[in-house]
All heavy atoms as atom14 arrays in JSON, in Angstrom:
{
  "sequence": "LFLMAALFIGVTMAFPNGLAGLVDSHLKPWWRRRQAQRAQQKAAL",
  "atom14_mask": [
    [1, 1, 1, 1, 1, 1, 1, 1, 0, 0, 0, 0, 0, 0],
    [1, 1, 1, 1, 1, 1, 1, 1, 1, 1, 1, 0, 0, 0],
    [1, 1, 1, 1, 1, 1, 1, 1, 0, 0, 0, 0, 0, 0],
    [1, 1, 1, 1, 1, 1, 1, 1, 0, 0, 0, 0, 0, 0],
    [1, 1, 1, 1, 1, 0, 0, 0, 0, 0, 0, 0, 0, 0],
    [1, 1, 1, 1, 1, 0, 0, 0, 0, 0, 0, 0, 0, 0],
    [1, 1, 1, 1, 1, 1, 1, 1, 0, 0, 0, 0, 0, 0],
    [1, 1, 1, 1, 1, 1, 1, 1, 1, 1, 1, 0, 0, 0],
    [1, 1, 1, 1, 1, 1, 1, 1, 0, 0, 0, 0, 0, 0],
    [1, 1, 1, 1, 0, 0, 0, 0, 0, 0, 0, 0, 0, 0],
    [1, 1, 1, 1, 1, 1, 1, 0, 0, 0, 0, 0, 0, 0],
    [1, 1, 1, 1, 1, 1, 1, 0, 0, 0, 0, 0, 0, 0],
    [1, 1, 1, 1, 1, 1, 1, 1, 0, 0, 0, 0, 0, 0],
    [1, 1, 1, 1, 1, 0, 0, 0, 0, 0, 0, 0, 0, 0],
    [1, 1, 1, 1, 1, 1, 1, 1, 1, 1, 1, 0, 0, 0],
    [1, 1, 1, 1, 1, 1, 1, 0, 0, 0, 0, 0, 0, 0],
    [1, 1, 1, 1, 1, 1, 1, 1, 0, 0, 0, 0, 0, 0],
    [1, 1, 1, 1, 0, 0, 0, 0, 0, 0, 0, 0, 0, 0],
    [1, 1, 1, 1, 1, 1, 1, 1, 0, 0, 0, 0, 0, 0],
    [1, 1, 1, 1, 1, 0, 0, 0, 0, 0, 0, 0, 0, 0],
    [1, 1, 1, 1, 0, 0, 0, 0, 0, 0, 0, 0, 0, 0],
    [1, 1, 1, 1, 1, 1, 1, 1, 0, 0, 0, 0, 0, 0],
    [1, 1, 1, 1, 1, 1, 1, 0, 0, 0, 0, 0, 0, 0],
    [1, 1, 1, 1, 1, 1, 1, 1, 0, 0, 0, 0, 0, 0],
    [1, 1, 1, 1, 1, 1, 0, 0, 0, 0, 0, 0, 0, 0],
    [1, 1, 1, 1, 1, 1, 1, 1, 1, 1, 0, 0, 0, 0],
    [1, 1, 1, 1, 1, 1, 1, 1, 0, 0, 0, 0, 0, 0],
    [1, 1, 1, 1, 1, 1, 1, 1, 1, 0, 0, 0, 0, 0],
    [1, 1, 1, 1, 1, 1, 1, 0, 0, 0, 0, 0, 0, 0],
    [1, 1, 1, 1, 1, 1, 1, 1, 1, 1, 1, 1, 1, 1],
    [1, 1, 1, 1, 1, 1, 1, 1, 1, 1, 1, 1, 1, 1],
    [1, 1, 1, 1, 1, 1, 1, 1, 1, 1, 1, 0, 0, 0],
    [1, 1, 1, 1, 1, 1, 1, 1, 1, 1, 1, 0, 0, 0],
    [1, 1, 1, 1, 1, 1, 1, 1, 1, 1, 1, 0, 0, 0],
    [1, 1, 1, 1, 1, 1, 1, 1, 1, 0, 0, 0, 0, 0],
    [1, 1, 1, 1, 1, 0, 0, 0, 0, 0, 0, 0, 0, 0],
    [1, 1, 1, 1, 1, 1, 1, 1, 1, 0, 0, 0, 0, 0],
    [1, 1, 1, 1, 1, 1, 1, 1, 1, 1, 1, 0, 0, 0],
    [1, 1, 1, 1, 1, 0, 0, 0, 0, 0, 0, 0, 0, 0],
    [1, 1, 1, 1, 1, 1, 1, 1, 1, 0, 0, 0, 0, 0],
    [1, 1, 1, 1, 1, 1, 1, 1, 1, 0, 0, 0, 0, 0],
    [1, 1, 1, 1, 1, 1, 1, 1, 1, 0, 0, 0, 0, 0],
    [1, 1, 1, 1, 1, 0, 0, 0, 0, 0, 0, 0, 0, 0],
    [1, 1, 1, 1, 1, 0, 0, 0, 0, 0, 0, 0, 0, 0],
    [1, 1, 1, 1, 1, 1, 1, 1, 0, 0, 0, 0, 0, 0]
  ],
  "atom14_positions": [
    [[0.88, -1.23, 0.02], [0.01, -0.07, -0.04], [0.83, 1.21, 0.0], [0.58, 2.23, -0.64], [-0.94, -0.02, 1.24], [-2.17, -0.94, 1.1], [-2.95, -0.91, 2.37], [-3.11, -0.39, 0.0], [0.0, 0.0, 0.0], [0.0, 0.0, 0.0], [0.0, 0.0, 0.0], [0.0, 0.0, 0.0], [0.0, 0.0, 0.0], [0.0, 0.0, 0.0]],
    [[1.95, 1.23, 0.77], [2.83, 2.42, 0.85], [3.56, 2.47, -0.52], [3.79, 3.69, -1.02], [3.81, 2.27, 1.97], [3.25, 2.1, 3.31], [3.06, 1.0, 3.85], [2.85, 3.25, 3.9], [2.43, 0.76, 5.23], [2.22, 3.19, 5.21], [2.12, 1.95, 5.81], [0.0, 0.0, 0.0], [0.0, 0.0, 0.0], [0.0, 0.0, 0.0]],
    [[3.93, 1.45, -1.18], [4.62, 1.56, -2.42], [3.65, 2.03, -3.55], [4.09, 2.87, -4.37], [5.15, 0.13, -2.92], [6.33, -0.35, -1.93], [6.63, -1.74, -2.28], [7.47, 0.5, -2.04], [0.0, 0.0, 0.0], [0.0, 0.0, 0.0], [0.0, 0.0, 0.0], [0.0, 0.0, 0.0], [0.0, 0.0, 0.0], [0.0, 0.0, 0.0]],
    [[2.33, 1.57, -3.48], [1.44, 2.15, -4.55], [1.24, 3.61, -4.23], [1.15, 4.37, -5.11], [0.07, 1.4, -4.28], [0.14, 0.05, -4.81], [0.31, 0.03, -6.65], [-0.95, 1.05, -7.18], [0.0, 0.0, 0.0], [0.0, 0.0, 0.0], [0.0, 0.0, 0.0], [0.0, 0.0, 0.0], [0.0, 0.0, 0.0], [0.0, 0.0, 0.0]],
    [[1.15, 4.11, -2.99], [0.98, 5.51, -2.75], [2.21, 6.32, -3.31], [2.17, 7.44, -3.83], [0.84, 5.74, -1.2], [0.0, 0.0, 0.0], [0.0, 0.0, 0.0], [0.0, 0.0, 0.0], [0.0, 0.0, 0.0], [0.0, 0.0, 0.0], [0.0, 0.0, 0.0], [0.0, 0.0, 0.0], [0.0, 0.0, 0.0], [0.0, 0.0, 0.0]],
    [[3.43, 5.72, -2.99], [4.61, 6.43, -3.49], [4.7, 6.44, -5.05], [5.07, 7.43, -5.64], [5.92, 5.62, -3.01], [0.0, 0.0, 0.0], [0.0, 0.0, 0.0], [0.0, 0.0, 0.0], [0.0, 0.0, 0.0], [0.0, 0.0, 0.0], [0.0, 0.0, 0.0], [0.0, 0.0, 0.0], [0.0, 0.0, 0.0], [0.0, 0.0, 0.0]],
    [[4.19, 5.3, -5.72], [4.08, 5.43, -7.2], [3.2, 6.52, -7.68], [3.6, 7.26, -8.63], [3.53, 3.98, -7.66], [3.23, 3.98, -9.2], [4.56, 4.15, -9.97], [2.63, 2.51, -9.48], [0.0, 0.0, 0.0], [0.0, 0.0, 0.0], [0.0, 0.0, 0.0], [0.0, 0.0, 0.0], [0.0, 0.0, 0.0], [0.0, 0.0, 0.0]],
    [[1.95, 6.61, -7.01], [1.09, 7.61, -7.5], [1.7, 9.1, -7.18], [1.54, 9.85, -8.03], [-0.35, 7.4, -6.71], [-1.29, 8.57, -6.92], [-1.72, 8.89, -8.25], [-1.69, 9.35, -5.86], [-2.58, 9.9, -8.51], [-2.54, 10.41, -6.06], [-2.93, 10.7, -7.38], [0.0, 0.0, 0.0], [0.0, 0.0, 0.0], [0.0, 0.0, 0.0]],
    [[2.08, 9.27, -6.04], [2.66, 10.61, -5.67], [3.89, 10.91, -6.59], [3.96, 12.14, -7.01], [3.0, 10.6, -4.34], [1.72, 10.5, -3.26], [3.74, 11.93, -3.91], [1.98, 10.34, -1.86], [0.0, 0.0, 0.0], [0.0, 0.0, 0.0], [0.0, 0.0, 0.0], [0.0, 0.0, 0.0], [0.0, 0.0, 0.0], [0.0, 0.0, 0.0]],
    [[4.73, 9.96, -6.76], [5.85, 10.27, -7.61], [5.54, 10.59, -9.05], [6.02, 11.65, -9.54], [0.0, 0.0, 0.0], [0.0, 0.0, 0.0], [0.0, 0.0, 0.0], [0.0, 0.0, 0.0], [0.0, 0.0, 0.0], [0.0, 0.0, 0.0], [0.0, 0.0, 0.0], [0.0, 0.0, 0.0], [0.0, 0.0, 0.0], [0.0, 0.0, 0.0]],
    [[4.66, 9.9, -9.58], [4.18, 10.08, -11.04], [3.53, 11.53, -11.23], [3.8, 12.29, -12.13], [3.3, 8.96, -11.53], [2.7, 9.37, -12.87], [4.13, 7.74, -11.61], [0.0, 0.0, 0.0], [0.0, 0.0, 0.0], [0.0, 0.0, 0.0], [0.0, 0.0, 0.0], [0.0, 0.0, 0.0], [0.0, 0.0, 0.0], [0.0, 0.0, 0.0]],
    [[2.59, 11.74, -10.23], [1.86, 12.98, -10.26], [2.79, 14.29, -10.01], [2.5, 15.3, -10.63], [0.65, 12.93, -9.46], [1.11, 12.59, -8.05], [-0.43, 11.97, -9.81], [0.0, 0.0, 0.0], [0.0, 0.0, 0.0], [0.0, 0.0, 0.0], [0.0, 0.0, 0.0], [0.0, 0.0, 0.0], [0.0, 0.0, 0.0], [0.0, 0.0, 0.0]],
    [[3.6, 14.06, -9.18], [4.55, 15.21, -8.91], [5.6, 15.45, -9.93], [5.94, 16.54, -10.43], [5.25, 14.99, -7.49], [4.43, 15.1, -6.35], [5.35, 15.06, -4.77], [6.32, 16.52, -4.95], [0.0, 0.0, 0.0], [0.0, 0.0, 0.0], [0.0, 0.0, 0.0], [0.0, 0.0, 0.0], [0.0, 0.0, 0.0], [0.0, 0.0, 0.0]],
    [[6.2, 14.35, -10.6], [7.12, 14.45, -11.57], [6.42, 14.8, -12.93], [7.1, 15.58, -13.74], [8.04, 13.23, -11.62], [0.0, 0.0, 0.0], [0.0, 0.0, 0.0], [0.0, 0.0, 0.0], [0.0, 0.0, 0.0], [0.0, 0.0, 0.0], [0.0, 0.0, 0.0], [0.0, 0.0, 0.0], [0.0, 0.0, 0.0], [0.0, 0.0, 0.0]],
    [[5.31, 14.22, -13.16], [4.76, 14.41, -14.39], [3.15, 14.84, -14.17], [2.29, 14.03, -14.14], [4.69, 13.2, -15.25], [6.08, 12.43, -15.39], [6.19, 11.2, -14.79], [7.14, 13.19, -15.9], [7.48, 10.61, -14.83], [8.36, 12.64, -16.01], [8.51, 11.2, -15.41], [0.0, 0.0, 0.0], [0.0, 0.0, 0.0], [0.0, 0.0, 0.0]],
    [[2.92, 16.11, -13.99], [1.61, 16.56, -13.63], [0.54, 16.2, -14.67], [-0.63, 16.03, -14.24], [1.82, 18.14, -13.52], [3.22, 18.28, -13.3], [3.94, 17.26, -14.03], [0.0, 0.0, 0.0], [0.0, 0.0, 0.0], [0.0, 0.0, 0.0], [0.0, 0.0, 0.0], [0.0, 0.0, 0.0], [0.0, 0.0, 0.0], [0.0, 0.0, 0.0]],
    [[0.99, 16.13, -15.9], [-0.01, 15.71, -16.96], [-0.04, 14.26, -17.22], [-0.56, 13.81, -18.14], [0.26, 16.53, -18.2], [0.15, 17.96, -18.06], [-0.76, 18.41, -17.39], [1.02, 18.77, -18.62], [0.0, 0.0, 0.0], [0.0, 0.0, 0.0], [0.0, 0.0, 0.0], [0.0, 0.0, 0.0], [0.0, 0.0, 0.0], [0.0, 0.0, 0.0]],
    [[0.56, 13.41, -16.23], [0.69, 12.04, -16.57], [1.61, 11.44, -17.51], [2.42, 12.26, -18.0], [0.0, 0.0, 0.0], [0.0, 0.0, 0.0], [0.0, 0.0, 0.0], [0.0, 0.0, 0.0], [0.0, 0.0, 0.0], [0.0, 0.0, 0.0], [0.0, 0.0, 0.0], [0.0, 0.0, 0.0], [0.0, 0.0, 0.0], [0.0, 0.0, 0.0]],
    [[1.51, 10.19, -17.82], [2.39, 9.69, -18.8], [2.19, 10.16, -20.17], [3.28, 10.29, -21.0], [2.11, 8.03, -18.85], [2.31, 7.25, -17.51], [2.04, 5.81, -17.75], [3.84, 7.42, -17.04], [0.0, 0.0, 0.0], [0.0, 0.0, 0.0], [0.0, 0.0, 0.0], [0.0, 0.0, 0.0], [0.0, 0.0, 0.0], [0.0, 0.0, 0.0]],
    [[1.02, 10.48, -20.56], [0.8, 11.13, -21.89], [1.48, 12.57, -21.92], [1.97, 12.85, -22.96], [-0.63, 11.31, -22.14], [0.0, 0.0, 0.0], [0.0, 0.0, 0.0], [0.0, 0.0, 0.0], [0.0, 0.0, 0.0], [0.0, 0.0, 0.0], [0.0, 0.0, 0.0], [0.0, 0.0, 0.0], [0.0, 0.0, 0.0], [0.0, 0.0, 0.0]],
    [[1.5, 13.28, -20.78], [2.13, 14.46, -20.87], [3.74, 14.31, -21.02], [4.31, 15.17, -21.62], [0.0, 0.0, 0.0], [0.0, 0.0, 0.0], [0.0, 0.0, 0.0], [0.0, 0.0, 0.0], [0.0, 0.0, 0.0], [0.0, 0.0, 0.0], [0.0, 0.0, 0.0], [0.0, 0.0, 0.0], [0.0, 0.0, 0.0], [0.0, 0.0, 0.0]],
    [[4.1, 13.29, -20.35], [5.61, 13.03, -20.55], [6.06, 12.74, -21.99], [6.93, 13.21, -22.55], [6.04, 11.74, -19.72], [7.35, 11.27, -19.85], [8.41, 12.26, -19.34], [7.63, 9.93, -18.97], [0.0, 0.0, 0.0], [0.0, 0.0, 0.0], [0.0, 0.0, 0.0], [0.0, 0.0, 0.0], [0.0, 0.0, 0.0], [0.0, 0.0, 0.0]],
    [[5.1, 11.96, -22.74], [5.35, 11.72, -24.17], [5.29, 13.02, -24.94], [6.11, 13.23, -25.79], [4.31, 10.69, -24.55], [4.36, 10.56, -26.18], [4.55, 9.28, -23.98], [0.0, 0.0, 0.0], [0.0, 0.0, 0.0], [0.0, 0.0, 0.0], [0.0, 0.0, 0.0], [0.0, 0.0, 0.0], [0.0, 0.0, 0.0], [0.0, 0.0, 0.0]],
    [[4.33, 13.87, -24.59], [4.08, 15.05, -25.39], [5.33, 16.12, -25.13], [5.66, 16.89, -26.08], [2.74, 15.76, -25.06], [1.68, 15.01, -25.58], [1.82, 14.17, -26.5], [0.5, 14.98, -25.02], [0.0, 0.0, 0.0], [0.0, 0.0, 0.0], [0.0, 0.0, 0.0], [0.0, 0.0, 0.0], [0.0, 0.0, 0.0], [0.0, 0.0, 0.0]],
    [[5.69, 16.14, -23.82], [6.69, 17.17, -23.63], [8.17, 16.67, -23.78], [9.09, 17.57, -23.91], [6.61, 17.51, -22.09], [6.92, 16.47, -21.24], [0.0, 0.0, 0.0], [0.0, 0.0, 0.0], [0.0, 0.0, 0.0], [0.0, 0.0, 0.0], [0.0, 0.0, 0.0], [0.0, 0.0, 0.0], [0.0, 0.0, 0.0], [0.0, 0.0, 0.0]],
    [[8.47, 15.35, -23.83], [9.86, 15.0, -23.91], [10.1, 14.03, -25.19], [10.95, 14.29, -26.02], [10.27, 14.17, -22.72], [10.5, 14.94, -21.5], [9.33, 15.48, -20.83], [11.51, 15.64, -21.03], [9.82, 16.25, -19.76], [11.09, 16.27, -19.79], [0.0, 0.0, 0.0], [0.0, 0.0, 0.0], [0.0, 0.0, 0.0], [0.0, 0.0, 0.0]],
    [[9.39, 12.93, -25.23], [9.49, 12.02, -26.35], [9.21, 12.65, -27.78], [10.07, 12.37, -28.63], [8.61, 10.81, -26.13], [8.79, 9.62, -27.05], [10.35, 9.17, -27.01], [8.02, 8.43, -26.69], [0.0, 0.0, 0.0], [0.0, 0.0, 0.0], [0.0, 0.0, 0.0], [0.0, 0.0, 0.0], [0.0, 0.0, 0.0], [0.0, 0.0, 0.0]],
    [[8.1, 13.13, -27.86], [7.73, 13.82, -29.28], [8.7, 14.91, -29.67], [9.13, 14.8, -30.91], [6.3, 14.23, -29.3], [5.2, 13.13, -29.2], [3.76, 13.68, -29.32], [2.83, 12.43, -29.35], [1.41, 12.86, -29.49], [0.0, 0.0, 0.0], [0.0, 0.0, 0.0], [0.0, 0.0, 0.0], [0.0, 0.0, 0.0], [0.0, 0.0, 0.0]],
    [[8.98, 15.77, -28.86], [10.04, 16.7, -29.34], [11.38, 16.19, -29.71], [12.0, 16.58, -30.61], [10.15, 17.86, -28.15], [8.85, 17.67, -27.37], [8.48, 16.21, -27.63], [0.0, 0.0, 0.0], [0.0, 0.0, 0.0], [0.0, 0.0, 0.0], [0.0, 0.0, 0.0], [0.0, 0.0, 0.0], [0.0, 0.0, 0.0], [0.0, 0.0, 0.0]],
    [[11.82, 15.15, -28.98], [13.03, 14.48, -29.27], [13.04, 13.81, -30.56], [13.91, 13.91, -31.49], [13.37, 13.51, -28.26], [14.59, 12.58, -28.47], [15.94, 12.91, -28.48], [14.52, 11.27, -29.19], [16.66, 11.83, -28.97], [15.79, 10.83, -29.32], [13.39, 10.42, -29.46], [16.07, 9.43, -29.95], [13.63, 9.18, -29.92], [14.94, 8.61, -30.13]],
    [[11.89, 13.21, -30.87], [11.66, 12.55, -32.19], [11.58, 13.5, -33.37], [12.16, 13.18, -34.44], [10.34, 11.67, -32.13], [10.02, 10.94, -33.41], [9.17, 11.22, -34.31], [10.74, 9.71, -33.83], [9.22, 10.3, -35.37], [10.15, 9.45, -35.11], [11.72, 8.99, -33.44], [10.52, 8.32, -35.88], [12.24, 7.88, -34.17], [11.6, 7.61, -35.48]],
    [[10.93, 14.74, -33.12], [10.8, 15.67, -34.13], [12.27, 16.28, -34.49], [12.68, 16.48, -35.66], [9.86, 16.86, -33.82], [8.5, 16.38, -33.63], [7.68, 17.58, -33.51], [6.1, 17.36, -33.3], [5.67, 17.23, -32.13], [6.42, 17.71, -30.99], [4.41, 16.9, -31.84], [0.0, 0.0, 0.0], [0.0, 0.0, 0.0], [0.0, 0.0, 0.0]],
    [[13.11, 16.46, -33.37], [14.42, 16.96, -33.66], [15.26, 15.85, -34.33], [16.03, 16.22, -35.28], [15.18, 17.25, -32.35], [14.6, 18.5, -31.56], [15.48, 19.09, -30.54], [15.66, 17.88, -29.43], [14.92, 17.8, -28.4], [13.94, 18.72, -28.19], [15.12, 16.81, -27.44], [0.0, 0.0, 0.0], [0.0, 0.0, 0.0], [0.0, 0.0, 0.0]],
    [[15.09, 14.69, -34.15], [15.85, 13.78, -34.8], [15.54, 13.5, -36.26], [16.36, 13.44, -37.1], [15.64, 12.28, -34.1], [16.42, 11.18, -34.76], [16.29, 9.84, -33.93], [17.02, 8.79, -34.42], [16.95, 7.47, -33.97], [16.25, 7.26, -32.93], [17.64, 6.7, -34.56], [0.0, 0.0, 0.0], [0.0, 0.0, 0.0], [0.0, 0.0, 0.0]],
    [[14.25, 13.65, -36.48], [13.67, 13.73, -37.98], [14.18, 14.93, -38.64], [14.51, 14.8, -39.87], [12.22, 13.57, -37.9], [11.5, 12.19, -37.37], [11.98, 11.1, -38.25], [12.9, 10.32, -37.91], [11.29, 10.82, -39.36], [0.0, 0.0, 0.0], [0.0, 0.0, 0.0], [0.0, 0.0, 0.0], [0.0, 0.0, 0.0], [0.0, 0.0, 0.0]],
    [[14.22, 16.06, -38.02], [14.71, 17.3, -38.66], [16.13, 17.12, -39.01], [16.69, 17.53, -40.05], [14.39, 18.4, -37.76], [0.0, 0.0, 0.0], [0.0, 0.0, 0.0], [0.0, 0.0, 0.0], [0.0, 0.0, 0.0], [0.0, 0.0, 0.0], [0.0, 0.0, 0.0], [0.0, 0.0, 0.0], [0.0, 0.0, 0.0], [0.0, 0.0, 0.0]],
    [[16.99, 16.52, -38.04], [18.35, 16.45, -38.31], [18.59, 15.34, -39.61], [19.48, 15.74, -40.4], [19.16, 15.87, -37.2], [19.18, 16.9, -35.98], [19.73, 16.28, -34.76], [20.02, 15.0, -34.71], [19.85, 17.07, -33.65], [0.0, 0.0, 0.0], [0.0, 0.0, 0.0], [0.0, 0.0, 0.0], [0.0, 0.0, 0.0], [0.0, 0.0, 0.0]],
    [[17.88, 14.3, -39.6], [18.03, 13.52, -40.66], [17.62, 14.04, -41.99], [18.22, 14.01, -43.04], [17.12, 12.24, -40.44], [17.6, 11.29, -39.33], [16.8, 10.1, -39.3], [17.21, 9.11, -38.39], [16.6, 8.01, -38.16], [15.57, 7.62, -38.63], [17.25, 7.14, -37.22], [0.0, 0.0, 0.0], [0.0, 0.0, 0.0], [0.0, 0.0, 0.0]],
    [[16.48, 14.9, -41.88], [16.06, 15.6, -43.18], [17.15, 16.6, -43.63], [17.42, 16.82, -44.86], [14.83, 16.31, -43.05], [0.0, 0.0, 0.0], [0.0, 0.0, 0.0], [0.0, 0.0, 0.0], [0.0, 0.0, 0.0], [0.0, 0.0, 0.0], [0.0, 0.0, 0.0], [0.0, 0.0, 0.0], [0.0, 0.0, 0.0], [0.0, 0.0, 0.0]],
    [[17.84, 17.36, -42.74], [18.89, 18.25, -43.07], [20.05, 17.57, -43.7], [20.63, 18.07, -44.67], [19.28, 19.04, -41.82], [18.27, 20.08, -41.39], [18.7, 20.71, -40.05], [19.78, 20.39, -39.51], [17.83, 21.58, -39.54], [0.0, 0.0, 0.0], [0.0, 0.0, 0.0], [0.0, 0.0, 0.0], [0.0, 0.0, 0.0], [0.0, 0.0, 0.0]],
    [[20.5, 16.42, -43.14], [21.54, 15.63, -43.59], [21.22, 15.18, -45.05], [22.07, 15.32, -46.01], [21.84, 14.45, -42.76], [22.46, 14.81, -41.38], [22.66, 13.64, -40.53], [22.17, 12.58, -40.78], [23.24, 13.91, -39.33], [0.0, 0.0, 0.0], [0.0, 0.0, 0.0], [0.0, 0.0, 0.0], [0.0, 0.0, 0.0], [0.0, 0.0, 0.0]],
    [[20.04, 14.69, -45.35], [19.73, 14.24, -46.57], [19.75, 15.4, -47.61], [20.13, 15.28, -48.77], [18.29, 13.61, -46.7], [18.34, 12.25, -45.94], [16.85, 11.68, -46.02], [16.88, 10.32, -45.23], [15.47, 9.7, -45.33], [0.0, 0.0, 0.0], [0.0, 0.0, 0.0], [0.0, 0.0, 0.0], [0.0, 0.0, 0.0], [0.0, 0.0, 0.0]],
    [[19.16, 16.62, -47.17], [19.13, 17.81, -48.05], [20.57, 18.36, -48.35], [20.83, 18.6, -49.49], [18.37, 18.96, -47.39], [0.0, 0.0, 0.0], [0.0, 0.0, 0.0], [0.0, 0.0, 0.0], [0.0, 0.0, 0.0], [0.0, 0.0, 0.0], [0.0, 0.0, 0.0], [0.0, 0.0, 0.0], [0.0, 0.0, 0.0], [0.0, 0.0, 0.0]],
    [[21.49, 18.13, -47.29], [22.86, 18.58, -47.52], [23.58, 17.69, -48.6], [24.27, 18.05, -49.49], [23.66, 18.6, -46.29], [0.0, 0.0, 0.0], [0.0, 0.0, 0.0], [0.0, 0.0, 0.0], [0.0, 0.0, 0.0], [0.0, 0.0, 0.0], [0.0, 0.0, 0.0], [0.0, 0.0, 0.0], [0.0, 0.0, 0.0], [0.0, 0.0, 0.0]],
    [[23.31, 16.43, -48.42], [23.94, 15.42, -49.4], [23.3, 15.58, -50.82], [24.1, 15.54, -51.81], [23.53, 14.03, -48.96], [24.33, 13.52, -47.75], [23.87, 12.23, -47.19], [25.86, 13.49, -48.01], [0.0, 0.0, 0.0], [0.0, 0.0, 0.0], [0.0, 0.0, 0.0], [0.0, 0.0, 0.0], [0.0, 0.0, 0.0], [0.0, 0.0, 0.0]]
  ]
}
């Protein structure tokens, strides 16, 4: 029960918008930057 409470408190404090907010704020921007870098390299070549 204490571990479940720690899981909930930790997730909500670290990611106020939940797991979906983590994906929107970190994973998707990283993926867009990577795709942009690949596009720039292809354009330069």
